[in-house]
N, C-alpha and C. Protein backbone atom coordinates (compact mmCIF):
# COMPACT_ATOMS: atom_id res chain seq x y z
N MET A 1 -22.30 -133.14 13.48
CA MET A 1 -22.78 -134.38 12.85
C MET A 1 -21.87 -134.55 11.46
N SER A 2 -21.24 -136.13 11.53
CA SER A 2 -20.57 -136.55 10.38
C SER A 2 -21.44 -136.92 9.13
N PRO A 3 -20.96 -136.13 8.08
CA PRO A 3 -21.80 -136.75 6.91
C PRO A 3 -22.32 -137.64 6.59
N THR A 4 -23.05 -138.65 6.12
CA THR A 4 -23.43 -139.51 5.36
C THR A 4 -22.73 -139.97 4.20
N SER A 5 -22.18 -140.82 3.60
CA SER A 5 -22.02 -141.14 2.19
C SER A 5 -22.54 -142.36 1.46
N LEU A 6 -23.04 -142.31 0.73
CA LEU A 6 -24.02 -143.83 0.75
C LEU A 6 -23.78 -143.52 -0.88
N ARG A 7 -22.81 -144.89 -1.13
CA ARG A 7 -22.93 -145.30 -2.81
C ARG A 7 -23.66 -146.45 -3.58
N LEU A 8 -24.69 -146.20 -3.88
CA LEU A 8 -25.74 -147.25 -4.55
C LEU A 8 -24.97 -147.39 -5.65
N VAL A 9 -24.91 -149.34 -5.75
CA VAL A 9 -24.25 -149.92 -6.75
C VAL A 9 -25.15 -150.29 -7.62
N ALA A 10 -25.69 -150.27 -8.82
CA ALA A 10 -26.49 -151.05 -10.02
C ALA A 10 -25.85 -152.79 -9.79
N HIS A 11 -26.54 -153.87 -9.88
CA HIS A 11 -26.08 -155.20 -9.62
C HIS A 11 -25.64 -155.48 -11.30
N GLY A 12 -24.61 -156.51 -11.84
CA GLY A 12 -24.65 -156.24 -12.91
C GLY A 12 -25.86 -157.56 -13.61
N HIS A 13 -24.98 -157.32 -14.92
CA HIS A 13 -26.16 -158.15 -16.16
C HIS A 13 -26.42 -160.01 -15.71
N THR A 14 -27.85 -159.65 -15.64
CA THR A 14 -28.46 -161.35 -15.52
C THR A 14 -28.88 -161.30 -16.98
N THR A 15 -29.74 -162.58 -17.08
CA THR A 15 -30.37 -163.33 -18.23
C THR A 15 -31.67 -162.11 -18.37
N ALA A 16 -32.06 -162.01 -17.61
CA ALA A 16 -33.33 -161.15 -17.00
C ALA A 16 -33.26 -159.75 -17.74
N LEU A 17 -32.07 -158.69 -17.01
CA LEU A 17 -32.28 -157.73 -18.05
C LEU A 17 -31.58 -157.61 -19.63
N ARG A 18 -30.83 -158.72 -19.86
CA ARG A 18 -30.12 -158.49 -21.16
C ARG A 18 -31.14 -158.58 -22.36
N ARG A 19 -32.39 -159.74 -21.62
CA ARG A 19 -33.15 -159.89 -22.35
C ARG A 19 -34.74 -159.35 -21.93
N ALA A 20 -35.03 -158.33 -21.69
CA ALA A 20 -35.74 -157.12 -20.89
C ALA A 20 -37.02 -158.25 -20.55
N ARG A 21 -36.74 -159.33 -19.81
CA ARG A 21 -37.92 -159.80 -19.10
C ARG A 21 -37.81 -159.01 -17.49
N PHE A 22 -39.27 -159.43 -16.50
CA PHE A 22 -39.51 -159.46 -15.62
C PHE A 22 -38.94 -160.15 -14.42
N GLY A 23 -37.63 -159.47 -13.77
CA GLY A 23 -37.20 -160.62 -13.50
C GLY A 23 -37.16 -161.45 -11.98
N ALA A 24 -36.74 -161.96 -11.01
CA ALA A 24 -37.10 -162.88 -10.10
C ALA A 24 -35.82 -162.94 -8.98
N THR A 25 -35.85 -162.80 -7.53
CA THR A 25 -34.89 -162.70 -6.88
C THR A 25 -33.86 -163.85 -7.33
N THR A 26 -33.90 -165.44 -7.78
CA THR A 26 -33.12 -166.17 -8.00
C THR A 26 -32.46 -165.67 -9.06
N ASP A 27 -32.56 -164.87 -10.04
CA ASP A 27 -31.83 -164.53 -11.18
C ASP A 27 -30.29 -164.16 -11.08
N GLY A 28 -29.54 -165.06 -11.06
CA GLY A 28 -27.88 -164.62 -10.70
C GLY A 28 -27.24 -163.47 -11.73
N LEU A 29 -25.82 -163.37 -11.54
CA LEU A 29 -25.12 -162.75 -12.59
C LEU A 29 -24.99 -163.74 -13.69
N ASP A 30 -25.41 -163.19 -15.06
CA ASP A 30 -24.87 -164.04 -16.24
C ASP A 30 -23.62 -164.08 -16.29
N GLU A 31 -22.93 -164.66 -16.92
CA GLU A 31 -21.06 -164.66 -17.58
C GLU A 31 -20.66 -163.68 -17.54
N GLY A 32 -21.30 -162.68 -18.41
CA GLY A 32 -20.71 -161.22 -18.73
C GLY A 32 -20.97 -160.53 -17.18
N GLY A 33 -21.90 -160.71 -16.74
CA GLY A 33 -22.36 -159.72 -15.67
C GLY A 33 -20.89 -160.27 -14.90
N LEU A 34 -20.72 -161.45 -14.54
CA LEU A 34 -19.81 -161.46 -13.42
C LEU A 34 -18.14 -161.26 -13.74
N ARG A 35 -18.10 -161.41 -14.92
CA ARG A 35 -16.50 -160.71 -15.55
C ARG A 35 -16.72 -159.39 -15.62
N ALA A 36 -17.53 -158.43 -15.78
CA ALA A 36 -17.88 -156.82 -15.79
C ALA A 36 -17.42 -156.53 -14.24
N ALA A 37 -17.99 -157.22 -13.34
CA ALA A 37 -17.86 -157.09 -11.56
C ALA A 37 -16.85 -157.05 -11.65
N LEU A 38 -16.19 -158.21 -11.63
CA LEU A 38 -14.55 -158.58 -11.24
C LEU A 38 -14.05 -157.50 -12.06
N ALA A 39 -14.05 -156.95 -13.31
CA ALA A 39 -13.39 -156.15 -14.19
C ALA A 39 -13.57 -154.70 -12.71
N GLN A 40 -14.24 -154.37 -12.84
CA GLN A 40 -14.84 -153.54 -11.99
C GLN A 40 -14.03 -153.23 -10.94
N ALA A 41 -14.11 -154.10 -10.07
CA ALA A 41 -13.21 -154.59 -8.89
C ALA A 41 -12.10 -154.28 -9.12
N ARG A 42 -11.20 -154.32 -10.05
CA ARG A 42 -9.65 -154.05 -9.87
C ARG A 42 -9.51 -152.71 -10.19
N THR A 43 -10.72 -152.14 -11.36
CA THR A 43 -10.93 -150.48 -11.47
C THR A 43 -11.04 -149.49 -10.07
N GLU A 44 -11.75 -150.46 -9.52
CA GLU A 44 -12.64 -149.46 -8.33
C GLU A 44 -11.15 -149.37 -7.02
N SER A 45 -10.29 -150.68 -6.99
CA SER A 45 -9.32 -150.99 -6.26
C SER A 45 -8.18 -149.80 -6.80
N GLY A 46 -8.48 -149.46 -7.37
CA GLY A 46 -7.08 -148.13 -7.58
C GLY A 46 -7.87 -146.76 -7.52
N ARG A 47 -8.85 -146.70 -7.30
CA ARG A 47 -9.71 -145.41 -6.97
C ARG A 47 -9.62 -145.35 -5.49
N ARG A 48 -8.84 -143.77 -4.91
CA ARG A 48 -9.00 -143.83 -3.64
C ARG A 48 -10.47 -143.44 -2.64
N GLY A 49 -10.86 -144.24 -2.06
CA GLY A 49 -12.19 -143.45 -1.38
C GLY A 49 -13.57 -144.16 -2.08
N HIS A 50 -13.19 -144.25 -3.22
CA HIS A 50 -14.48 -144.50 -3.98
C HIS A 50 -15.48 -146.40 -3.25
N LEU A 51 -14.93 -147.52 -3.66
CA LEU A 51 -15.57 -148.21 -2.88
C LEU A 51 -14.52 -149.18 -2.22
N ARG A 52 -14.97 -149.03 -0.94
CA ARG A 52 -14.05 -149.40 0.00
C ARG A 52 -14.23 -150.98 1.09
N VAL A 53 -13.46 -151.82 0.86
CA VAL A 53 -14.04 -153.05 1.38
C VAL A 53 -14.12 -153.20 2.66
N ASP A 54 -13.72 -152.31 3.51
CA ASP A 54 -14.14 -151.85 4.72
C ASP A 54 -15.43 -150.96 5.48
N ASP A 55 -15.93 -150.44 4.08
CA ASP A 55 -17.49 -149.60 3.83
C ASP A 55 -18.39 -150.90 4.72
N ALA A 56 -19.34 -150.13 5.33
CA ALA A 56 -20.98 -151.20 5.50
C ALA A 56 -21.13 -151.42 4.32
N CYS A 57 -21.85 -152.59 4.12
CA CYS A 57 -22.63 -152.86 2.32
C CYS A 57 -23.74 -154.11 2.91
N LEU A 58 -24.53 -153.34 2.36
CA LEU A 58 -25.72 -153.78 2.26
C LEU A 58 -26.48 -154.09 0.93
N SER A 59 -27.19 -155.27 0.58
CA SER A 59 -27.25 -155.70 -0.65
C SER A 59 -29.14 -156.00 -1.06
N GLY A 60 -29.71 -155.80 -1.74
CA GLY A 60 -30.90 -156.25 -2.07
C GLY A 60 -30.89 -157.77 -1.81
N PRO A 61 -32.18 -158.66 -2.19
CA PRO A 61 -32.15 -159.99 -1.62
C PRO A 61 -32.03 -161.20 -2.88
N GLU A 62 -31.71 -160.49 -3.72
CA GLU A 62 -31.51 -161.30 -5.14
C GLU A 62 -30.36 -161.45 -5.22
N ALA A 63 -29.75 -162.19 -6.18
CA ALA A 63 -28.86 -163.23 -5.80
C ALA A 63 -27.75 -162.26 -7.11
N ALA A 64 -28.49 -161.94 -7.78
CA ALA A 64 -27.52 -160.84 -8.63
C ALA A 64 -27.12 -160.02 -7.83
N ALA A 65 -27.78 -159.04 -6.56
CA ALA A 65 -27.04 -157.95 -5.80
C ALA A 65 -26.04 -158.62 -4.59
N THR A 66 -26.30 -159.89 -4.00
CA THR A 66 -25.05 -160.45 -3.26
C THR A 66 -24.05 -160.55 -3.88
N GLN A 67 -24.13 -161.51 -5.38
CA GLN A 67 -22.90 -161.75 -6.08
C GLN A 67 -22.40 -160.48 -6.56
N THR A 68 -22.90 -159.50 -6.77
CA THR A 68 -22.12 -158.47 -7.54
C THR A 68 -21.30 -157.71 -6.22
N ALA A 69 -22.03 -157.27 -5.07
CA ALA A 69 -21.37 -157.63 -4.21
C ALA A 69 -20.05 -158.26 -3.66
N ASP A 70 -19.86 -159.27 -3.65
CA ASP A 70 -19.28 -160.50 -3.65
C ASP A 70 -18.01 -160.23 -4.42
N ALA A 71 -18.53 -160.13 -5.73
CA ALA A 71 -17.67 -159.80 -6.61
C ALA A 71 -16.75 -158.64 -6.68
N LEU A 72 -17.38 -157.39 -6.32
CA LEU A 72 -16.62 -156.56 -5.49
C LEU A 72 -15.54 -156.14 -4.76
N GLY A 73 -16.02 -157.51 -3.97
CA GLY A 73 -14.25 -157.75 -2.65
C GLY A 73 -15.42 -157.28 -1.53
N LEU A 74 -16.94 -157.05 -1.63
CA LEU A 74 -17.05 -156.46 -0.58
C LEU A 74 -17.90 -157.19 0.33
N ARG A 75 -18.43 -157.42 1.79
CA ARG A 75 -19.06 -157.90 2.49
C ARG A 75 -20.48 -157.70 3.00
N PRO A 76 -21.28 -157.91 2.01
CA PRO A 76 -23.15 -157.74 2.18
C PRO A 76 -23.66 -158.49 3.08
N THR A 77 -24.55 -157.40 3.80
CA THR A 77 -25.52 -157.90 4.76
C THR A 77 -27.18 -157.79 4.06
N VAL A 78 -27.94 -158.54 3.66
CA VAL A 78 -28.83 -158.69 2.99
C VAL A 78 -29.85 -157.64 3.53
N GLU A 79 -30.38 -156.54 3.15
CA GLU A 79 -31.39 -155.55 3.84
C GLU A 79 -33.12 -155.82 2.64
N ALA A 80 -33.84 -156.34 3.26
CA ALA A 80 -35.13 -156.62 2.27
C ALA A 80 -35.72 -155.39 1.97
N SER A 81 -35.58 -154.44 2.23
CA SER A 81 -35.92 -152.98 1.96
C SER A 81 -35.39 -152.29 0.62
N LEU A 82 -34.31 -153.65 0.04
CA LEU A 82 -33.22 -152.93 -1.07
C LEU A 82 -33.91 -153.77 -2.00
N ALA A 83 -34.49 -154.50 -1.80
CA ALA A 83 -35.14 -155.62 -3.15
C ALA A 83 -36.04 -154.78 -4.00
N GLY A 84 -35.45 -155.54 -5.27
CA GLY A 84 -36.56 -155.15 -6.37
C GLY A 84 -37.81 -155.17 -6.65
N CYS A 85 -38.37 -154.93 -7.49
CA CYS A 85 -39.74 -155.08 -7.45
C CYS A 85 -39.87 -156.26 -7.49
N ASP A 86 -41.77 -156.78 -7.07
CA ASP A 86 -41.70 -158.14 -7.49
C ASP A 86 -42.92 -157.78 -8.43
N TYR A 87 -43.08 -158.54 -9.26
CA TYR A 87 -43.53 -158.31 -10.83
C TYR A 87 -44.97 -159.42 -10.90
N GLY A 88 -45.28 -160.18 -9.38
CA GLY A 88 -46.17 -161.07 -9.80
C GLY A 88 -46.10 -162.43 -10.69
N ASP A 89 -47.35 -162.10 -11.03
CA ASP A 89 -47.74 -163.03 -12.48
C ASP A 89 -46.88 -163.02 -13.57
N TRP A 90 -45.99 -161.31 -13.74
CA TRP A 90 -45.04 -161.30 -15.08
C TRP A 90 -44.01 -161.73 -14.57
N THR A 91 -43.28 -162.24 -13.31
CA THR A 91 -41.74 -162.73 -13.41
C THR A 91 -41.48 -163.60 -14.10
N GLY A 92 -40.35 -163.54 -14.95
CA GLY A 92 -39.60 -164.29 -15.62
C GLY A 92 -40.10 -164.46 -16.97
N ARG A 93 -41.32 -163.19 -17.08
CA ARG A 93 -41.96 -162.88 -18.75
C ARG A 93 -41.24 -161.71 -19.61
N SER A 94 -41.01 -162.07 -20.45
CA SER A 94 -40.65 -160.58 -21.26
C SER A 94 -41.51 -159.38 -21.45
N PHE A 95 -41.03 -158.79 -21.86
CA PHE A 95 -41.86 -157.41 -21.87
C PHE A 95 -42.75 -157.67 -23.18
N GLU A 96 -42.34 -158.30 -23.84
CA GLU A 96 -42.61 -158.33 -25.46
C GLU A 96 -43.94 -159.71 -25.33
N GLU A 97 -43.85 -160.87 -24.40
CA GLU A 97 -45.06 -161.14 -23.96
C GLU A 97 -46.11 -160.69 -23.80
N ILE A 98 -45.85 -159.71 -22.34
CA ILE A 98 -47.01 -159.12 -21.73
C ILE A 98 -47.42 -157.85 -22.59
N ALA A 99 -46.64 -157.39 -23.63
CA ALA A 99 -47.11 -156.43 -24.83
C ALA A 99 -48.44 -157.21 -25.76
N ALA A 100 -48.30 -158.16 -26.08
CA ALA A 100 -49.03 -158.91 -26.80
C ALA A 100 -49.87 -159.57 -26.00
N GLU A 101 -49.67 -160.40 -25.03
CA GLU A 101 -51.05 -160.76 -24.37
C GLU A 101 -51.71 -159.82 -23.26
N GLN A 102 -51.36 -158.90 -22.82
CA GLN A 102 -51.93 -157.67 -21.90
C GLN A 102 -51.77 -156.62 -22.29
N PRO A 103 -52.33 -156.10 -23.51
CA PRO A 103 -51.25 -154.76 -23.78
C PRO A 103 -52.10 -153.74 -22.94
N GLN A 104 -53.28 -153.87 -22.48
CA GLN A 104 -53.97 -152.16 -21.69
C GLN A 104 -53.49 -152.16 -20.19
N ALA A 105 -53.12 -153.75 -19.82
CA ALA A 105 -52.86 -154.06 -18.19
C ALA A 105 -51.06 -153.62 -18.05
N LEU A 106 -49.92 -153.75 -19.80
CA LEU A 106 -49.06 -153.28 -19.33
C LEU A 106 -48.97 -151.62 -19.68
N HIS A 107 -50.05 -151.39 -20.45
CA HIS A 107 -50.37 -149.71 -20.76
C HIS A 107 -50.41 -149.13 -19.36
N GLU A 108 -50.98 -149.58 -18.44
CA GLU A 108 -51.98 -149.15 -16.90
C GLU A 108 -50.71 -149.26 -16.32
N TRP A 109 -49.69 -150.09 -16.24
CA TRP A 109 -48.32 -150.16 -15.31
C TRP A 109 -47.46 -149.26 -15.82
N LEU A 110 -47.59 -148.98 -16.91
CA LEU A 110 -46.45 -147.93 -17.37
C LEU A 110 -46.77 -146.70 -17.25
N SER A 111 -47.93 -146.41 -17.35
CA SER A 111 -48.74 -144.85 -17.42
C SER A 111 -49.01 -144.86 -16.06
N ALA A 112 -48.64 -145.71 -14.74
CA ALA A 112 -49.90 -145.44 -13.67
C ALA A 112 -49.04 -145.53 -12.29
N PRO A 113 -47.73 -145.17 -11.83
CA PRO A 113 -47.00 -145.43 -10.76
C PRO A 113 -47.79 -146.58 -9.67
N ASP A 114 -49.20 -146.22 -9.51
CA ASP A 114 -49.43 -147.04 -8.31
C ASP A 114 -50.74 -148.07 -8.72
N SER A 115 -50.03 -148.51 -10.34
CA SER A 115 -50.71 -149.57 -10.21
C SER A 115 -49.79 -150.81 -10.06
N ALA A 116 -51.29 -152.16 -9.93
CA ALA A 116 -49.70 -153.52 -10.08
C ALA A 116 -50.79 -154.36 -10.91
N PRO A 117 -51.25 -154.41 -12.30
CA PRO A 117 -52.16 -155.53 -13.08
C PRO A 117 -51.58 -156.89 -12.89
N HIS A 118 -50.07 -157.17 -12.05
CA HIS A 118 -49.30 -158.07 -12.48
C HIS A 118 -49.48 -159.02 -11.04
N GLY A 119 -50.37 -158.30 -10.20
CA GLY A 119 -50.59 -158.71 -8.87
C GLY A 119 -49.56 -159.00 -8.04
N GLY A 120 -48.38 -157.71 -8.11
CA GLY A 120 -46.87 -157.69 -7.79
C GLY A 120 -47.06 -156.46 -6.84
N GLU A 121 -45.61 -155.48 -6.89
CA GLU A 121 -46.14 -154.69 -6.38
C GLU A 121 -46.14 -153.55 -7.06
N SER A 122 -46.36 -152.18 -6.89
CA SER A 122 -46.60 -150.90 -7.50
C SER A 122 -45.35 -150.53 -8.08
N VAL A 123 -45.15 -149.34 -8.84
CA VAL A 123 -43.54 -148.90 -8.80
C VAL A 123 -43.65 -147.84 -7.13
N ALA A 124 -44.70 -147.06 -6.98
CA ALA A 124 -45.37 -146.62 -6.02
C ALA A 124 -45.08 -146.88 -4.23
N THR A 125 -45.50 -148.35 -4.61
CA THR A 125 -45.21 -149.24 -3.39
C THR A 125 -43.69 -149.52 -2.82
N VAL A 126 -42.83 -149.54 -4.25
CA VAL A 126 -41.49 -149.95 -4.08
C VAL A 126 -40.89 -148.30 -3.83
N ARG A 127 -41.36 -147.37 -4.38
CA ARG A 127 -40.55 -145.99 -3.60
C ARG A 127 -40.90 -145.93 -2.04
N GLU A 128 -42.09 -146.26 -1.62
CA GLU A 128 -42.37 -146.43 -0.35
C GLU A 128 -41.19 -147.25 0.39
N ARG A 129 -40.98 -148.47 0.17
CA ARG A 129 -40.25 -149.14 1.01
C ARG A 129 -38.88 -148.75 0.33
N VAL A 130 -38.45 -148.70 -0.60
CA VAL A 130 -36.93 -147.95 -0.63
C VAL A 130 -36.55 -146.34 0.25
N GLY A 131 -37.76 -145.30 -0.46
CA GLY A 131 -37.51 -144.38 0.68
C GLY A 131 -37.64 -144.16 1.93
N ARG A 132 -38.59 -145.60 2.78
CA ARG A 132 -37.85 -145.38 3.96
C ARG A 132 -36.88 -145.79 4.67
N TRP A 133 -36.66 -146.67 4.05
CA TRP A 133 -35.23 -147.21 3.95
C TRP A 133 -33.70 -146.28 4.09
N LEU A 134 -33.95 -145.46 2.49
CA LEU A 134 -33.20 -144.28 2.43
C LEU A 134 -33.18 -143.20 3.26
N ASP A 135 -34.68 -143.14 4.08
CA ASP A 135 -34.68 -141.64 4.95
C ASP A 135 -34.06 -141.78 6.22
N GLY A 136 -34.28 -143.70 6.63
CA GLY A 136 -33.53 -143.70 7.93
C GLY A 136 -31.78 -144.05 7.72
N GLN A 137 -31.12 -143.48 6.65
CA GLN A 137 -29.54 -143.76 6.57
C GLN A 137 -29.43 -142.59 6.33
N ARG A 138 -30.29 -141.24 6.44
CA ARG A 138 -29.09 -140.16 6.16
C ARG A 138 -28.67 -139.43 7.52
N THR A 139 -29.20 -140.02 8.72
CA THR A 139 -28.47 -139.41 10.07
C THR A 139 -27.22 -140.32 10.39
N ARG A 140 -26.90 -141.74 9.33
CA ARG A 140 -26.14 -142.14 10.17
C ARG A 140 -24.84 -142.14 10.35
N GLY A 141 -24.28 -140.99 9.65
CA GLY A 141 -22.89 -140.97 9.56
C GLY A 141 -21.91 -141.43 9.39
N GLN A 142 -21.86 -142.55 8.47
CA GLN A 142 -21.22 -143.45 8.27
C GLN A 142 -21.15 -143.40 6.56
N ARG A 143 -20.07 -144.48 6.27
CA ARG A 143 -19.81 -144.63 4.85
C ARG A 143 -20.44 -145.80 4.30
N LEU A 144 -21.70 -145.93 3.54
CA LEU A 144 -22.18 -147.13 3.25
C LEU A 144 -22.38 -147.45 1.70
N ILE A 145 -22.63 -148.56 1.29
CA ILE A 145 -22.57 -148.93 0.26
C ILE A 145 -23.72 -149.89 0.14
N ALA A 146 -24.78 -149.65 -0.87
CA ALA A 146 -25.72 -150.84 -1.27
C ALA A 146 -25.74 -151.16 -2.81
N VAL A 147 -26.00 -152.42 -2.64
CA VAL A 147 -26.13 -152.88 -4.41
C VAL A 147 -27.34 -153.41 -4.00
N ALA A 148 -28.17 -153.30 -5.45
CA ALA A 148 -29.15 -153.28 -5.58
C ALA A 148 -29.64 -153.42 -7.13
N HIS A 149 -30.81 -153.77 -7.84
CA HIS A 149 -31.24 -154.08 -9.01
C HIS A 149 -31.32 -151.93 -9.38
N PRO A 150 -30.99 -152.16 -10.66
CA PRO A 150 -31.08 -150.60 -11.41
C PRO A 150 -32.31 -150.19 -11.02
N LEU A 151 -33.27 -150.59 -10.81
CA LEU A 151 -34.82 -149.67 -10.75
C LEU A 151 -34.75 -149.28 -9.28
N VAL A 152 -34.00 -149.93 -8.57
CA VAL A 152 -34.42 -149.66 -7.10
C VAL A 152 -33.27 -148.62 -7.04
N LEU A 153 -31.90 -148.20 -7.78
CA LEU A 153 -31.48 -146.87 -7.91
C LEU A 153 -32.37 -145.87 -8.52
N ARG A 154 -32.99 -146.01 -9.15
CA ARG A 154 -33.76 -145.35 -9.90
C ARG A 154 -34.26 -144.76 -9.13
N ILE A 155 -35.42 -145.21 -8.63
CA ILE A 155 -36.52 -144.93 -7.57
C ILE A 155 -35.73 -144.27 -6.36
N ALA A 156 -34.47 -144.69 -6.15
CA ALA A 156 -33.87 -143.94 -4.72
C ALA A 156 -33.65 -142.75 -5.31
N VAL A 157 -33.30 -142.50 -6.44
CA VAL A 157 -32.67 -141.24 -7.01
C VAL A 157 -33.71 -140.12 -7.09
N VAL A 158 -35.19 -140.55 -7.54
CA VAL A 158 -36.15 -139.70 -7.67
C VAL A 158 -36.73 -139.59 -6.27
N HIS A 159 -36.55 -140.54 -5.11
CA HIS A 159 -36.79 -139.88 -3.81
C HIS A 159 -36.31 -138.83 -3.03
N ALA A 160 -34.65 -139.71 -3.42
CA ALA A 160 -33.78 -138.35 -2.66
C ALA A 160 -33.96 -137.17 -3.20
N LEU A 161 -34.34 -136.90 -4.32
CA LEU A 161 -33.96 -135.84 -4.91
C LEU A 161 -35.50 -135.54 -4.91
N ASP A 162 -36.44 -135.82 -4.29
CA ASP A 162 -37.86 -135.15 -4.07
C ASP A 162 -38.85 -135.20 -5.59
N LEU A 163 -38.23 -135.78 -6.46
CA LEU A 163 -39.04 -135.90 -8.05
C LEU A 163 -40.32 -136.88 -7.79
N PRO A 164 -41.33 -135.93 -8.98
CA PRO A 164 -42.26 -137.16 -8.69
C PRO A 164 -42.00 -138.16 -9.60
N ILE A 165 -42.66 -139.14 -8.92
CA ILE A 165 -42.57 -140.44 -8.88
C ILE A 165 -42.39 -140.89 -10.41
N ALA A 166 -43.18 -140.52 -11.34
CA ALA A 166 -43.43 -141.10 -12.77
C ALA A 166 -41.72 -140.43 -13.40
N THR A 167 -40.92 -139.76 -12.79
CA THR A 167 -39.18 -138.95 -13.25
C THR A 167 -38.70 -140.69 -13.74
N TYR A 168 -38.86 -141.38 -12.74
CA TYR A 168 -37.79 -142.55 -12.59
C TYR A 168 -37.89 -142.95 -13.83
N ARG A 169 -38.95 -143.15 -14.79
CA ARG A 169 -38.39 -143.43 -16.16
C ARG A 169 -37.57 -142.82 -17.40
N GLN A 170 -37.28 -141.83 -16.64
CA GLN A 170 -36.66 -140.97 -17.40
C GLN A 170 -35.08 -141.06 -16.96
N LEU A 171 -34.66 -141.96 -16.15
CA LEU A 171 -33.48 -142.11 -15.67
C LEU A 171 -33.19 -143.65 -16.01
N ASP A 172 -31.78 -143.84 -16.79
CA ASP A 172 -31.46 -144.66 -16.90
C ASP A 172 -30.19 -145.00 -16.30
N VAL A 173 -30.56 -146.14 -15.79
CA VAL A 173 -29.29 -146.69 -14.70
C VAL A 173 -28.49 -148.24 -15.44
N GLU A 174 -27.56 -147.87 -15.84
CA GLU A 174 -26.89 -149.18 -16.21
C GLU A 174 -26.21 -150.03 -15.25
N PRO A 175 -26.59 -151.58 -15.80
CA PRO A 175 -25.58 -152.65 -14.80
C PRO A 175 -24.29 -152.00 -14.20
N LEU A 176 -23.75 -152.12 -12.52
CA LEU A 176 -22.46 -151.77 -11.97
C LEU A 176 -22.86 -150.65 -11.80
N ALA A 177 -23.67 -149.03 -12.67
CA ALA A 177 -23.17 -147.50 -12.44
C ALA A 177 -23.07 -147.69 -10.89
N ILE A 178 -22.80 -146.73 -10.77
CA ILE A 178 -22.76 -146.13 -8.94
C ILE A 178 -23.02 -144.70 -9.15
N VAL A 179 -24.40 -144.55 -8.57
CA VAL A 179 -24.89 -143.65 -8.16
C VAL A 179 -24.46 -143.08 -6.26
N ARG A 180 -24.08 -141.71 -6.27
CA ARG A 180 -23.65 -141.23 -4.76
C ARG A 180 -24.52 -140.29 -4.48
N LEU A 181 -24.52 -140.42 -2.80
CA LEU A 181 -25.70 -139.58 -2.26
C LEU A 181 -24.89 -139.29 -1.10
N THR A 182 -24.98 -137.90 -0.68
CA THR A 182 -24.58 -137.54 0.09
C THR A 182 -25.23 -137.01 1.20
N SER A 183 -25.52 -136.81 2.78
CA SER A 183 -26.56 -135.65 3.55
C SER A 183 -25.80 -135.44 4.96
N GLN A 184 -26.43 -134.22 5.04
CA GLN A 184 -25.80 -133.71 6.30
C GLN A 184 -26.77 -134.23 7.40
N GLY A 185 -27.75 -135.02 7.20
CA GLY A 185 -28.87 -135.26 7.83
C GLY A 185 -30.24 -134.42 7.47
N ALA A 186 -30.33 -133.40 7.07
CA ALA A 186 -31.82 -132.90 6.49
C ALA A 186 -31.92 -133.51 4.94
N ARG A 187 -31.18 -133.38 4.25
CA ARG A 187 -31.43 -134.36 2.86
C ARG A 187 -30.46 -134.63 2.30
N TRP A 188 -31.01 -135.18 1.21
CA TRP A 188 -29.91 -136.08 0.35
C TRP A 188 -29.27 -134.95 -0.85
N GLN A 189 -28.14 -135.39 -1.35
CA GLN A 189 -27.34 -134.18 -2.52
C GLN A 189 -26.95 -135.52 -3.52
N LEU A 190 -27.21 -135.34 -4.65
CA LEU A 190 -26.47 -136.19 -5.36
C LEU A 190 -25.52 -135.81 -5.75
N ARG A 191 -24.41 -136.37 -6.00
CA ARG A 191 -22.87 -135.90 -5.93
C ARG A 191 -22.08 -136.51 -7.47
N LEU A 192 -22.02 -135.87 -7.82
CA LEU A 192 -21.21 -136.20 -9.45
C LEU A 192 -19.88 -135.87 -9.37
N SER A 193 -19.10 -137.05 -9.71
CA SER A 193 -17.74 -136.72 -9.51
C SER A 193 -16.37 -137.65 -10.28
N ALA A 194 -15.86 -137.10 -11.10
CA ALA A 194 -14.80 -137.58 -11.63
C ALA A 194 -14.14 -138.51 -10.50
N PRO A 195 -13.52 -139.70 -11.72
CA PRO A 195 -12.38 -140.53 -11.04
C PRO A 195 -10.97 -139.91 -10.59
N ARG A 196 -10.39 -140.56 -9.63
CA ARG A 196 -8.85 -139.74 -9.50
C ARG A 196 -7.95 -140.64 -9.92
N GLY A 197 -7.32 -139.31 -10.30
CA GLY A 197 -5.74 -140.42 -10.82
C GLY A 197 -6.08 -140.85 -11.80
N GLY A 198 -4.91 -140.81 -12.74
CA GLY A 198 -5.33 -141.41 -14.23
C GLY A 198 -5.47 -140.75 -15.27
């Protein structure tokens, strides 16, 4: 069986990310996020075998995810399973606002991955969704790129390595970060590699 190579790419900066707001699917890249994605595309073009424009590419439905893929020169197909968390009533609001107005609800959400006091999805629900998708990719035997919200990458790594769900809070994924997972079919391995050349 050919190995599956999956590169998870965090979408670029949005206003919501910069201002610590609970984002929405309509949030696109901000000016700096677009510039950074275009600059990364130039860098990636010089790396053999990293992000190739002929690799199959999927993206979350968020505008920022599809815009990042486009800026990287990829041709994404939207995959609903890669959507970021639905924050329900908190969408568009800042962390500070929620902390001031609903401190107990925020504490519950931060301490219990299966809670959803905002009326949207819990982190555990996002893990189930992303995990099902990720499990379905292990035996594809191809190179695949997936562009999604940084939270989706954190949850995907937790699922791929079979870590406790609360571990996602200990992972920091910056916009435009690339996480590489490989599989021979049975399980995922996290692969860390240095840039080639230069």
